[in-house]
Amino acid sequence: MSARDNRLDHSLDCSHARTLLFVPGNRPERFAKAVASGADAVVLDLEDAVPIAAKAAAREAVLAAWASLHAIGVPLVVRSNAWGSAEWAADLACLRNLAGIAALMLPKAESADAVQGAHEATGGVPILPLIESAAGYDAVKAIAAAPGCQRLVVGHIDFMADTGIACGNDQAELDPLRFAVAMATRLAGLAPAIDGVTVQIDDEAVLRSDTLRARRFGFSGKLCIHPRQIAGVHAAFAPSDEDMAWARRVIAADAASYGGAVQLDGRMVDVPVVLRARQLLAQQARA
């Protein structure tokens, strides 16, 4: 299959995925469970989760399982090795044979050229660049504006390793990274960004706190490393009943005033408030 065929066969989209669940490419016995997990998208990983000695086997396993997994109808993403790395050429040959790939997650994204190059080399597959280094942070606006970039992804664990930053439990030290990603997303008109993983698999409180932080930064997706995390992330991203009741009342008040400014609960309701209410209603509809 040519790269052009790959682009034309693209049918599933993950631009609004709330949960993107990683599964190691060298663990094919886990593929079906990942696709059945309830995650909005599944990321077949050829990079960090796969030892160097197992890279070739991982590509072969993904190729062998692809058709049956794709037929289920869950968006499938592949995380390749980094652009220009020793594994990139072999990864690219694999990617060109994956009909209907939803997106390529590109690790160590540090330039617009890498994003555009990966997009063109794969025949137009959408790119999810991982911002996980100081160089990626420095180039985030250019990366977001690069042809083919669909959504930015925060890779905060690699970012800490690259920069030497040590975080407390609230990860406040990484607020500038998440803010920069949020602003680059807005300036480029991209779908909301995707936050990094929560490594505590069985701690629902930490998972919820991490997801609510991502939501406060305007993100609408999160990387997951275990199926048990899916439900918690979905719940944390969902608008609360109180939020939805408020949004409906704002829309009703706006309609009654024919678009003019009006007071609701002692507060002014104007265009920005109405826009926020509409965003909440749209989030609920997607959920």
C-alpha atoms as a PDB file:
ATOM      1  CA  MET A   1       0.000   0.000   0.000  1.00  0.00           C
ATOM      2  CA  SER A   2       1.323   3.422  -0.894  1.00  0.00           C
ATOM      3  CA  ALA A   3       1.439   6.406   1.421  1.00  0.00           C
ATOM      4  CA  ARG A   4      -1.288   8.022  -0.677  1.00  0.00           C
ATOM      5  CA  ASP A   5      -3.556   4.988  -0.169  1.00  0.00           C
ATOM      6  CA  ASN A   6      -2.951   5.309   3.558  1.00  0.00           C
ATOM      7  CA  ARG A   7      -4.226   8.871   3.533  1.00  0.00           C
ATOM      8  CA  LEU A   8      -7.315   8.055   1.473  1.00  0.00           C
ATOM      9  CA  ASP A   9      -8.211   5.097   3.713  1.00  0.00           C
ATOM     10  CA  HIS A  10      -8.114   7.276   6.829  1.00  0.00           C
ATOM     11  CA  SER A  11     -11.596   6.970   8.360  1.00  0.00           C
ATOM     12  CA  LEU A  12     -11.362   7.261  12.146  1.00  0.00           C
ATOM     13  CA  ASP A  13     -10.537  10.449  13.985  1.00  0.00           C
ATOM     14  CA  CYS A  14      -9.110  11.117  17.449  1.00  0.00           C
ATOM     15  CA  SER A  15      -9.265  14.917  17.453  1.00  0.00           C
ATOM     16  CA  HIS A  16     -11.760  14.796  20.337  1.00  0.00           C
ATOM     17  CA  ALA A  17     -10.462  11.691  22.124  1.00  0.00           C
ATOM     18  CA  ARG A  18     -10.472  12.111  25.899  1.00  0.00           C
ATOM     19  CA  THR A  19      -8.512   8.942  26.610  1.00  0.00           C
ATOM     20  CA  LEU A  20      -5.637   7.537  24.562  1.00  0.00           C
ATOM     21  CA  LEU A  21      -4.544   4.193  25.993  1.00  0.00           C
ATOM     22  CA  PHE A  22      -0.995   2.951  25.413  1.00  0.00           C
ATOM     23  CA  VAL A  23      -0.336  -0.707  24.661  1.00  0.00           C
ATOM     24  CA  PRO A  24       3.208  -1.971  23.939  1.00  0.00           C
ATOM     25  CA  GLY A  25       3.644  -3.046  20.342  1.00  0.00           C
ATOM     26  CA  ASN A  26       5.522  -6.168  21.414  1.00  0.00           C
ATOM     27  CA  ARG A  27       2.603  -7.388  23.558  1.00  0.00           C
ATOM     28  CA  PRO A  28       0.014  -8.448  20.957  1.00  0.00           C
ATOM     29  CA  GLU A  29      -1.870 -10.476  23.567  1.00  0.00           C
ATOM     30  CA  ARG A  30      -2.928  -7.130  25.073  1.00  0.00           C
ATOM     31  CA  PHE A  31      -4.144  -5.495  21.847  1.00  0.00           C
ATOM     32  CA  ALA A  32      -7.726  -6.756  21.899  1.00  0.00           C
ATOM     33  CA  LYS A  33      -8.146  -5.909  25.598  1.00  0.00           C
ATOM     34  CA  ALA A  34      -6.932  -2.365  24.939  1.00  0.00           C
ATOM     35  CA  VAL A  35      -9.375  -1.863  22.061  1.00  0.00           C
ATOM     36  CA  ALA A  36     -12.228  -3.223  24.235  1.00  0.00           C
ATOM     37  CA  SER A  37     -11.277  -1.056  27.238  1.00  0.00           C
ATOM     38  CA  GLY A  38     -13.615   1.826  26.465  1.00  0.00           C
ATOM     39  CA  ALA A  39     -10.735   4.169  25.601  1.00  0.00           C
ATOM     40  CA  ASP A  40     -11.558   6.721  22.924  1.00  0.00           C
ATOM     41  CA  ALA A  41      -8.358   5.774  21.074  1.00  0.00           C
ATOM     42  CA  VAL A  42      -5.642   3.147  21.440  1.00  0.00           C
ATOM     43  CA  VAL A  43      -1.950   3.948  20.971  1.00  0.00           C
ATOM     44  CA  LEU A  44       0.112   1.018  19.701  1.00  0.00           C
ATOM     45  CA  ASP A  45       3.541   1.905  21.021  1.00  0.00           C
ATOM     46  CA  LEU A  46       6.753   1.279  19.117  1.00  0.00           C
ATOM     47  CA  GLU A  47       8.866   3.595  21.270  1.00  0.00           C
ATOM     48  CA  ASP A  48       9.488   3.741  25.028  1.00  0.00           C
ATOM     49  CA  ALA A  49       7.433   0.694  26.019  1.00  0.00           C
ATOM     50  CA  VAL A  50       9.392  -1.552  23.645  1.00  0.00           C
ATOM     51  CA  PRO A  51      12.984  -2.697  24.342  1.00  0.00           C
ATOM     52  CA  ILE A  52      15.455  -2.109  21.508  1.00  0.00           C
ATOM     53  CA  ALA A  53      15.794  -5.830  20.891  1.00  0.00           C
ATOM     54  CA  ALA A  54      12.014  -6.129  20.415  1.00  0.00           C
ATOM     55  CA  LYS A  55      11.462  -3.205  18.027  1.00  0.00           C
ATOM     56  CA  ALA A  56      11.274  -5.329  14.874  1.00  0.00           C
ATOM     57  CA  ALA A  57       8.963  -7.844  16.542  1.00  0.00           C
ATOM     58  CA  ALA A  58       6.700  -5.009  17.677  1.00  0.00           C
ATOM     59  CA  ARG A  59       6.340  -3.691  14.143  1.00  0.00           C
ATOM     60  CA  GLU A  60       5.538  -7.183  12.882  1.00  0.00           C
ATOM     61  CA  ALA A  61       2.935  -7.693  15.617  1.00  0.00           C
ATOM     62  CA  VAL A  62       1.218  -4.395  14.837  1.00  0.00           C
ATOM     63  CA  LEU A  63       1.122  -5.202  11.124  1.00  0.00           C
ATOM     64  CA  ALA A  64      -0.257  -8.680  11.763  1.00  0.00           C
ATOM     65  CA  ALA A  65      -3.060  -7.505  14.065  1.00  0.00           C
ATOM     66  CA  TRP A  66      -3.929  -4.251  12.311  1.00  0.00           C
ATOM     67  CA  ALA A  67      -6.785  -5.320  10.042  1.00  0.00           C
ATOM     68  CA  SER A  68      -8.713  -7.114  12.780  1.00  0.00           C
ATOM     69  CA  LEU A  69      -8.198  -4.295  15.292  1.00  0.00           C
ATOM     70  CA  HIS A  70      -9.134  -1.573  12.796  1.00  0.00           C
ATOM     71  CA  ALA A  71     -12.357  -3.403  11.925  1.00  0.00           C
ATOM     72  CA  ILE A  72     -13.602  -2.947  15.511  1.00  0.00           C
ATOM     73  CA  GLY A  73     -13.971   0.784  14.894  1.00  0.00           C
ATOM     74  CA  VAL A  74     -11.850   2.316  17.654  1.00  0.00           C
ATOM     75  CA  PRO A  75      -9.358   4.950  16.419  1.00  0.00           C
ATOM     76  CA  LEU A  76      -5.860   3.459  16.295  1.00  0.00           C
ATOM     77  CA  VAL A  77      -2.788   5.635  16.820  1.00  0.00           C
ATOM     78  CA  VAL A  78       0.833   4.514  16.522  1.00  0.00           C
ATOM     79  CA  ARG A  79       3.627   6.064  18.557  1.00  0.00           C
ATOM     80  CA  SER A  80       6.706   5.723  16.409  1.00  0.00           C
ATOM     81  CA  ASN A  81      10.281   6.238  17.429  1.00  0.00           C
ATOM     82  CA  ALA A  82      11.621   9.755  17.031  1.00  0.00           C
ATOM     83  CA  TRP A  83      11.934  11.393  13.638  1.00  0.00           C
ATOM     84  CA  GLY A  84      15.469  10.784  12.338  1.00  0.00           C
ATOM     85  CA  SER A  85      16.257   8.101  14.922  1.00  0.00           C
ATOM     86  CA  ALA A  86      17.826   4.765  14.052  1.00  0.00           C
ATOM     87  CA  GLU A  87      14.359   3.135  14.072  1.00  0.00           C
ATOM     88  CA  TRP A  88      12.515   5.802  12.077  1.00  0.00           C
ATOM     89  CA  ALA A  89      12.990   4.331   8.596  1.00  0.00           C
ATOM     90  CA  ALA A  90      11.698   0.920   9.666  1.00  0.00           C
ATOM     91  CA  ASP A  91       8.803   2.536  11.541  1.00  0.00           C
ATOM     92  CA  LEU A  92       7.901   4.537   8.432  1.00  0.00           C
ATOM     93  CA  ALA A  93       7.836   1.394   6.292  1.00  0.00           C
ATOM     94  CA  CYS A  94       5.437  -0.116   8.830  1.00  0.00           C
ATOM     95  CA  LEU A  95       3.232   2.986   9.003  1.00  0.00           C
ATOM     96  CA  ARG A  96       2.788   3.076   5.255  1.00  0.00           C
ATOM     97  CA  ASN A  97       1.073  -0.313   5.446  1.00  0.00           C
ATOM     98  CA  LEU A  98      -1.452   0.605   8.137  1.00  0.00           C
ATOM     99  CA  ALA A  99      -4.652   1.537   6.317  1.00  0.00           C
ATOM    100  CA  GLY A 100      -6.907   3.880   8.255  1.00  0.00           C
ATOM    101  CA  ILE A 101      -4.430   4.950  10.911  1.00  0.00           C
ATOM    102  CA  ALA A 102      -6.059   7.702  12.961  1.00  0.00           C
ATOM    103  CA  ALA A 103      -2.846   9.536  13.840  1.00  0.00           C
ATOM    104  CA  LEU A 104       0.883   9.202  14.346  1.00  0.00           C
ATOM    105  CA  MET A 105       2.131  10.172  17.797  1.00  0.00           C
ATOM    106  CA  LEU A 106       5.578  11.631  17.204  1.00  0.00           C
ATOM    107  CA  PRO A 107       7.907  11.540  20.233  1.00  0.00           C
ATOM    108  CA  LYS A 108      10.644  14.062  20.929  1.00  0.00           C
ATOM    109  CA  ALA A 109       9.037  16.586  18.576  1.00  0.00           C
ATOM    110  CA  GLU A 110      11.422  19.526  18.514  1.00  0.00           C
ATOM    111  CA  SER A 111      10.778  21.300  15.212  1.00  0.00           C
ATOM    112  CA  ALA A 112       8.073  22.113  12.708  1.00  0.00           C
ATOM    113  CA  ASP A 113      10.175  20.393  10.061  1.00  0.00           C
ATOM    114  CA  ALA A 114       9.941  17.066  11.905  1.00  0.00           C
ATOM    115  CA  VAL A 115       6.153  17.313  12.184  1.00  0.00           C
ATOM    116  CA  GLN A 116       5.682  18.330   8.574  1.00  0.00           C
ATOM    117  CA  GLY A 117       8.189  15.721   7.411  1.00  0.00           C
ATOM    118  CA  ALA A 118       6.407  12.918   9.263  1.00  0.00           C
ATOM    119  CA  HIS A 119       3.028  14.103   7.974  1.00  0.00           C
ATOM    120  CA  GLU A 120       4.213  14.144   4.362  1.00  0.00           C
ATOM    121  CA  ALA A 121       6.195  10.911   4.602  1.00  0.00           C
ATOM    122  CA  THR A 122       3.130   9.030   5.849  1.00  0.00           C
ATOM    123  CA  GLY A 123       0.909  10.373   3.104  1.00  0.00           C
ATOM    124  CA  GLY A 124      -1.008  12.885   5.180  1.00  0.00           C
ATOM    125  CA  VAL A 125      -1.566  11.050   8.463  1.00  0.00           C
ATOM    126  CA  PRO A 126      -2.430  13.537  11.268  1.00  0.00           C
ATOM    127  CA  ILE A 127       0.423  14.086  13.716  1.00  0.00           C
ATOM    128  CA  LEU A 128       0.243  14.243  17.515  1.00  0.00           C
ATOM    129  CA  PRO A 129       3.604  15.780  18.486  1.00  0.00           C
ATOM    130  CA  LEU A 130       4.866  14.987  21.973  1.00  0.00           C
ATOM    131  CA  ILE A 131       6.351  18.052  23.657  1.00  0.00           C
ATOM    132  CA  GLU A 132       8.812  16.414  26.015  1.00  0.00           C
ATOM    133  CA  SER A 133      12.079  18.339  25.903  1.00  0.00           C
ATOM    134  CA  ALA A 134      13.407  21.864  26.360  1.00  0.00           C
ATOM    135  CA  ALA A 135      13.853  22.120  22.586  1.00  0.00           C
ATOM    136  CA  GLY A 136      10.244  21.072  22.037  1.00  0.00           C
ATOM    137  CA  TYR A 137       9.065  23.655  24.556  1.00  0.00           C
ATOM    138  CA  ASP A 138      11.100  26.338  22.799  1.00  0.00           C
ATOM    139  CA  ALA A 139       9.607  25.429  19.400  1.00  0.00           C
ATOM    140  CA  VAL A 140       6.047  24.678  20.544  1.00  0.00           C
ATOM    141  CA  LYS A 141       4.386  27.517  18.600  1.00  0.00           C
ATOM    142  CA  ALA A 142       6.095  26.496  15.373  1.00  0.00           C
ATOM    143  CA  ILE A 143       5.271  22.834  15.999  1.00  0.00           C
ATOM    144  CA  ALA A 144       1.602  23.656  16.581  1.00  0.00           C
ATOM    145  CA  ALA A 145       1.467  25.634  13.337  1.00  0.00           C
ATOM    146  CA  ALA A 146       3.210  22.927  11.275  1.00  0.00           C
ATOM    147  CA  PRO A 147       1.229  21.268   8.475  1.00  0.00           C
ATOM    148  CA  GLY A 148      -0.313  18.039   9.726  1.00  0.00           C
ATOM    149  CA  CYS A 149      -0.303  18.861  13.441  1.00  0.00           C
ATOM    150  CA  GLN A 150      -3.660  17.785  14.883  1.00  0.00           C
ATOM    151  CA  ARG A 151      -3.181  18.134  18.656  1.00  0.00           C
ATOM    152  CA  LEU A 152      -0.249  18.783  20.960  1.00  0.00           C
ATOM    153  CA  VAL A 153       0.623  16.193  23.604  1.00  0.00           C
ATOM    154  CA  VAL A 154       2.490  16.824  26.863  1.00  0.00           C
ATOM    155  CA  GLY A 155       5.162  14.260  27.683  1.00  0.00           C
ATOM    156  CA  HIS A 156       5.980  15.566  31.135  1.00  0.00           C
ATOM    157  CA  ILE A 157       8.005  12.602  32.401  1.00  0.00           C
ATOM    158  CA  ASP A 158      10.514  12.818  29.557  1.00  0.00           C
ATOM    159  CA  PHE A 159      10.424  16.611  29.904  1.00  0.00           C
ATOM    160  CA  MET A 160      11.531  16.343  33.524  1.00  0.00           C
ATOM    161  CA  ALA A 161      14.299  13.936  32.554  1.00  0.00           C
ATOM    162  CA  ASP A 162      15.482  16.258  29.783  1.00  0.00           C
ATOM    163  CA  THR A 163      15.422  19.435  31.858  1.00  0.00           C
ATOM    164  CA  GLY A 164      16.358  18.122  35.299  1.00  0.00           C
ATOM    165  CA  ILE A 165      13.169  19.569  36.789  1.00  0.00           C
ATOM    166  CA  ALA A 166      11.970  17.728  39.902  1.00  0.00           C
ATOM    167  CA  CYS A 167       8.264  18.102  40.618  1.00  0.00           C
ATOM    168  CA  GLY A 168       6.235  18.068  43.791  1.00  0.00           C
ATOM    169  CA  ASN A 169       2.960  16.187  43.938  1.00  0.00           C
ATOM    170  CA  ASP A 170       1.017  19.036  42.328  1.00  0.00           C
ATOM    171  CA  GLN A 171       3.522  19.355  39.436  1.00  0.00           C
ATOM    172  CA  ALA A 172       3.350  23.144  39.777  1.00  0.00           C
ATOM    173  CA  GLU A 173       6.857  23.336  38.325  1.00  0.00           C
ATOM    174  CA  LEU A 174       5.357  22.240  34.981  1.00  0.00           C
ATOM    175  CA  ASP A 175       2.666  24.918  34.848  1.00  0.00           C
ATOM    176  CA  PRO A 176       4.720  26.947  32.325  1.00  0.00           C
ATOM    177  CA  LEU A 177       4.927  23.923  30.016  1.00  0.00           C
ATOM    178  CA  ARG A 178       1.201  23.270  30.105  1.00  0.00           C
ATOM    179  CA  PHE A 179       0.405  26.964  29.710  1.00  0.00           C
ATOM    180  CA  ALA A 180       2.708  27.207  26.674  1.00  0.00           C
ATOM    181  CA  VAL A 181       1.041  24.166  25.107  1.00  0.00           C
ATOM    182  CA  ALA A 182      -2.404  25.651  25.769  1.00  0.00           C
ATOM    183  CA  MET A 183      -1.451  28.983  24.168  1.00  0.00           C
ATOM    184  CA  ALA A 184       0.210  27.360  21.164  1.00  0.00           C
ATOM    185  CA  THR A 185      -2.916  25.234  20.711  1.00  0.00           C
ATOM    186  CA  ARG A 186      -5.159  28.293  20.734  1.00  0.00           C
ATOM    187  CA  LEU A 187      -2.964  30.336  18.401  1.00  0.00           C
ATOM    188  CA  ALA A 188      -2.800  27.507  15.863  1.00  0.00           C
ATOM    189  CA  GLY A 189      -6.514  26.715  16.121  1.00  0.00           C
ATOM    190  CA  LEU A 190      -5.877  23.090  17.061  1.00  0.00           C
ATOM    191  CA  ALA A 191      -8.151  20.696  18.902  1.00  0.00           C
ATOM    192  CA  PRO A 192      -7.498  20.915  22.679  1.00  0.00           C
ATOM    193  CA  ALA A 193      -4.245  19.374  23.860  1.00  0.00           C
ATOM    194  CA  ILE A 194      -3.612  16.001  25.489  1.00  0.00           C
ATOM    195  CA  ASP A 195      -1.928  15.733  28.895  1.00  0.00           C
ATOM    196  CA  GLY A 196       0.604  13.132  29.954  1.00  0.00           C
ATOM    197  CA  VAL A 197       0.188   9.927  31.909  1.00  0.00           C
ATOM    198  CA  THR A 198      -0.568   9.350  35.565  1.00  0.00           C
ATOM    199  CA  VAL A 199       1.830   6.649  36.697  1.00  0.00           C
ATOM    200  CA  GLN A 200      -0.195   5.694  39.793  1.00  0.00           C
ATOM    201  CA  ILE A 201      -2.431   3.009  38.292  1.00  0.00           C
ATOM    202  CA  ASP A 202      -4.564   2.317  41.385  1.00  0.00           C
ATOM    203  CA  ASP A 203      -4.846   5.799  42.909  1.00  0.00           C
ATOM    204  CA  GLU A 204      -8.160   7.240  41.748  1.00  0.00           C
ATOM    205  CA  ALA A 205      -7.674  10.460  43.709  1.00  0.00           C
ATOM    206  CA  VAL A 206      -4.372  11.254  41.984  1.00  0.00           C
ATOM    207  CA  LEU A 207      -5.830  10.371  38.581  1.00  0.00           C
ATOM    208  CA  ARG A 208      -8.792  12.669  39.146  1.00  0.00           C
ATOM    209  CA  SER A 209      -6.573  15.496  40.400  1.00  0.00           C
ATOM    210  CA  ASP A 210      -4.281  15.152  37.382  1.00  0.00           C
ATOM    211  CA  THR A 211      -7.221  15.131  34.966  1.00  0.00           C
ATOM    212  CA  LEU A 212      -8.913  18.135  36.571  1.00  0.00           C
ATOM    213  CA  ARG A 213      -5.624  20.038  36.305  1.00  0.00           C
ATOM    214  CA  ALA A 214      -5.465  19.191  32.601  1.00  0.00           C
ATOM    215  CA  ARG A 215      -9.039  20.421  32.216  1.00  0.00           C
ATOM    216  CA  ARG A 216      -8.201  23.715  33.953  1.00  0.00           C
ATOM    217  CA  PHE A 217      -5.456  24.278  31.387  1.00  0.00           C
ATOM    218  CA  GLY A 218      -7.975  23.802  28.603  1.00  0.00           C
ATOM    219  CA  PHE A 219      -6.856  20.291  27.659  1.00  0.00           C
ATOM    220  CA  SER A 220      -9.489  17.750  26.702  1.00  0.00           C
ATOM    221  CA  GLY A 221      -7.474  14.527  26.490  1.00  0.00           C
ATOM    222  CA  LYS A 222      -5.113  12.458  28.606  1.00  0.00           C
ATOM    223  CA  LEU A 223      -2.701   9.617  27.953  1.00  0.00           C
ATOM    224  CA  CYS A 224      -3.467   6.436  29.910  1.00  0.00           C
ATOM    225  CA  ILE A 225      -1.288   3.454  30.731  1.00  0.00           C
ATOM    226  CA  HIS A 226      -3.901   1.025  32.092  1.00  0.00           C
ATOM    227  CA  PRO A 227      -7.550   0.257  31.258  1.00  0.00           C
ATOM    228  CA  ARG A 228      -8.492   0.942  34.893  1.00  0.00           C
ATOM    229  CA  GLN A 229      -7.771   4.632  34.285  1.00  0.00           C
ATOM    230  CA  ILE A 230     -10.296   5.098  31.479  1.00  0.00           C
ATOM    231  CA  ALA A 231     -13.488   5.576  33.488  1.00  0.00           C
ATOM    232  CA  GLY A 232     -11.864   7.977  35.940  1.00  0.00           C
ATOM    233  CA  VAL A 233     -10.509  10.214  33.195  1.00  0.00           C
ATOM    234  CA  HIS A 234     -13.850  10.293  31.397  1.00  0.00           C
ATOM    235  CA  ALA A 235     -15.627  11.204  34.625  1.00  0.00           C
ATOM    236  CA  ALA A 236     -13.171  14.007  35.458  1.00  0.00           C
ATOM    237  CA  PHE A 237     -13.402  15.543  31.988  1.00  0.00           C
ATOM    238  CA  ALA A 238     -17.215  15.450  31.965  1.00  0.00           C
ATOM    239  CA  PRO A 239     -18.993  18.662  32.971  1.00  0.00           C
ATOM    240  CA  SER A 240     -20.731  18.314  36.328  1.00  0.00           C
ATOM    241  CA  ASP A 241     -24.519  18.369  36.689  1.00  0.00           C
ATOM    242  CA  GLU A 242     -24.169  21.840  38.238  1.00  0.00           C
ATOM    243  CA  ASP A 243     -22.104  23.020  35.253  1.00  0.00           C
ATOM    244  CA  MET A 244     -24.714  21.729  32.816  1.00  0.00           C
ATOM    245  CA  ALA A 245     -27.614  23.293  34.706  1.00  0.00           C
ATOM    246  CA  TRP A 246     -25.785  26.624  34.711  1.00  0.00           C
ATOM    247  CA  ALA A 247     -24.999  26.369  30.990  1.00  0.00           C
ATOM    248  CA  ARG A 248     -28.631  25.688  30.078  1.00  0.00           C
ATOM    249  CA  ARG A 249     -29.815  28.629  32.179  1.00  0.00           C
ATOM    250  CA  VAL A 250     -27.253  30.912  30.526  1.00  0.00           C
ATOM    251  CA  ILE A 251     -28.393  29.858  27.048  1.00  0.00           C
ATOM    252  CA  ALA A 252     -32.032  30.382  28.031  1.00  0.00           C
ATOM    253  CA  ALA A 253     -31.306  33.831  29.488  1.00  0.00           C
ATOM    254  CA  ASP A 254     -29.348  34.796  26.386  1.00  0.00           C
ATOM    255  CA  ALA A 255     -32.203  33.687  24.137  1.00  0.00           C
ATOM    256  CA  ALA A 256     -34.740  35.618  26.216  1.00  0.00           C
ATOM    257  CA  SER A 257     -32.637  38.785  25.919  1.00  0.00           C
ATOM    258  CA  TYR A 258     -32.190  38.273  22.143  1.00  0.00           C
ATOM    259  CA  GLY A 259     -28.416  38.316  22.535  1.00  0.00           C
ATOM    260  CA  GLY A 260     -28.212  41.404  24.710  1.00  0.00           C
ATOM    261  CA  ALA A 261     -26.406  41.561  28.037  1.00  0.00           C
ATOM    262  CA  VAL A 262     -28.531  40.243  30.900  1.00  0.00           C
ATOM    263  CA  GLN A 263     -28.078  39.433  34.592  1.00  0.00           C
ATOM    264  CA  LEU A 264     -28.271  35.887  35.921  1.00  0.00           C
ATOM    265  CA  ASP A 265     -27.778  35.122  39.619  1.00  0.00           C
ATOM    266  CA  GLY A 266     -26.542  38.653  40.100  1.00  0.00           C
ATOM    267  CA  ARG A 267     -23.848  38.331  37.451  1.00  0.00           C
ATOM    268  CA  MET A 268     -23.632  39.781  33.987  1.00  0.00           C
ATOM    269  CA  VAL A 269     -24.157  37.348  31.122  1.00  0.00           C
ATOM    270  CA  ASP A 270     -22.481  38.598  27.962  1.00  0.00           C
ATOM    271  CA  VAL A 271     -20.839  37.031  24.914  1.00  0.00           C
ATOM    272  CA  PRO A 272     -17.856  35.350  26.660  1.00  0.00           C
ATOM    273  CA  VAL A 273     -20.149  33.785  29.259  1.00  0.00           C
ATOM    274  CA  VAL A 274     -22.484  32.482  26.563  1.00  0.00           C
ATOM    275  CA  LEU A 275     -19.529  31.045  24.659  1.00  0.00           C
ATOM    276  CA  ARG A 276     -18.405  29.184  27.793  1.00  0.00           C
ATOM    277  CA  ALA A 277     -21.904  27.779  28.256  1.00  0.00           C
ATOM    278  CA  ARG A 278     -21.963  26.574  24.665  1.00  0.00           C
ATOM    279  CA  GLN A 279     -18.555  24.920  25.141  1.00  0.00           C
ATOM    280  CA  LEU A 280     -19.872  22.968  28.138  1.00  0.00           C
ATOM    281  CA  LEU A 281     -22.918  21.805  26.180  1.00  0.00           C
ATOM    282  CA  ALA A 282     -20.664  20.729  23.315  1.00  0.00           C
ATOM    283  CA  GLN A 283     -18.434  18.769  25.720  1.00  0.00           C
ATOM    284  CA  GLN A 284     -21.452  16.927  27.066  1.00  0.00           C
ATOM    285  CA  ALA A 285     -22.659  16.148  23.552  1.00  0.00           C
ATOM    286  CA  ARG A 286     -19.283  14.662  22.589  1.00  0.00           C
ATOM    287  CA  ALA A 287     -19.164  12.614  25.788  1.00  0.00           C
END
